[in-house]
C-alpha atoms as a PDB file:
ATOM      1  CA  MET A   1     106.904 111.174  82.490  1.00  0.00           C
ATOM      2  CA  ALA A   2     108.732 114.449  83.029  1.00  0.00           C
ATOM      3  CA  GLU A   3     111.073 112.677  85.470  1.00  0.00           C
ATOM      4  CA  LEU A   4     112.285 110.152  82.896  1.00  0.00           C
ATOM      5  CA  PRO A   5     115.940 110.681  81.907  1.00  0.00           C
ATOM      6  CA  LEU A   6     115.192 110.505  78.182  1.00  0.00           C
ATOM      7  CA  SER A   7     112.632 111.551  75.655  1.00  0.00           C
ATOM      8  CA  CYS A   8     109.896 108.997  75.073  1.00  0.00           C
ATOM      9  CA  ASP A   9     106.280 108.583  74.056  1.00  0.00           C
ATOM     10  CA  ALA A  10     103.669 106.822  76.144  1.00  0.00           C
ATOM     11  CA  LEU A  11     101.939 103.835  74.596  1.00  0.00           C
ATOM     12  CA  VAL A  12      98.737 103.043  76.460  1.00  0.00           C
ATOM     13  CA  LEU A  13      97.122  99.663  75.801  1.00  0.00           C
ATOM     14  CA  THR A  14      94.530  97.591  77.605  1.00  0.00           C
ATOM     15  CA  PRO A  15      95.804  94.231  78.906  1.00  0.00           C
ATOM     16  CA  ALA A  16      94.018  92.493  76.015  1.00  0.00           C
ATOM     17  CA  GLU A  17      95.538  94.855  73.436  1.00  0.00           C
ATOM     18  CA  LEU A  18      99.011  94.369  74.901  1.00  0.00           C
ATOM     19  CA  GLU A  19      98.699  90.580  74.861  1.00  0.00           C
ATOM     20  CA  GLN A  20      97.489  90.647  71.254  1.00  0.00           C
ATOM     21  CA  ARG A  21     100.308  92.982  70.189  1.00  0.00           C
ATOM     22  CA  LEU A  22     102.996  90.932  71.971  1.00  0.00           C
ATOM     23  CA  ASN A  23     101.854  87.756  70.220  1.00  0.00           C
ATOM     24  CA  ASP A  24     101.250  88.999  66.677  1.00  0.00           C
ATOM     25  CA  GLY A  25     104.805  88.376  65.422  1.00  0.00           C
ATOM     26  CA  SER A  26     105.293  91.952  64.246  1.00  0.00           C
ATOM     27  CA  ARG A  27     108.429  94.074  64.514  1.00  0.00           C
ATOM     28  CA  MET A  28     106.592  96.183  67.070  1.00  0.00           C
ATOM     29  CA  ALA A  29     106.031  93.030  69.156  1.00  0.00           C
ATOM     30  CA  MET A  30     109.770  92.294  69.107  1.00  0.00           C
ATOM     31  CA  GLU A  31     110.596  95.875  70.125  1.00  0.00           C
ATOM     32  CA  LEU A  32     108.020  95.849  72.916  1.00  0.00           C
ATOM     33  CA  LYS A  33     109.367  92.567  74.274  1.00  0.00           C
ATOM     34  CA  SER A  34     112.875  94.018  74.495  1.00  0.00           C
ATOM     35  CA  ASP A  35     112.041  97.588  75.572  1.00  0.00           C
ATOM     36  CA  LEU A  36     108.731  97.468  77.433  1.00  0.00           C
ATOM     37  CA  ARG A  37     108.705  99.257  80.797  1.00  0.00           C
ATOM     38  CA  TRP A  38     105.835  99.574  83.245  1.00  0.00           C
ATOM     39  CA  LEU A  39     105.218 102.950  84.879  1.00  0.00           C
ATOM     40  CA  LEU A  40     102.792 103.022  87.770  1.00  0.00           C
END
């Protein structure tokens, strides 16, 4: 994460947690859908 060009926090979810969060209709779901990035 130190190489990222901006300050950010890591959000670590299991695949099931991510799917649930993306489909719950919350504001966080909307933000994740627009800003989600995968780091491997």
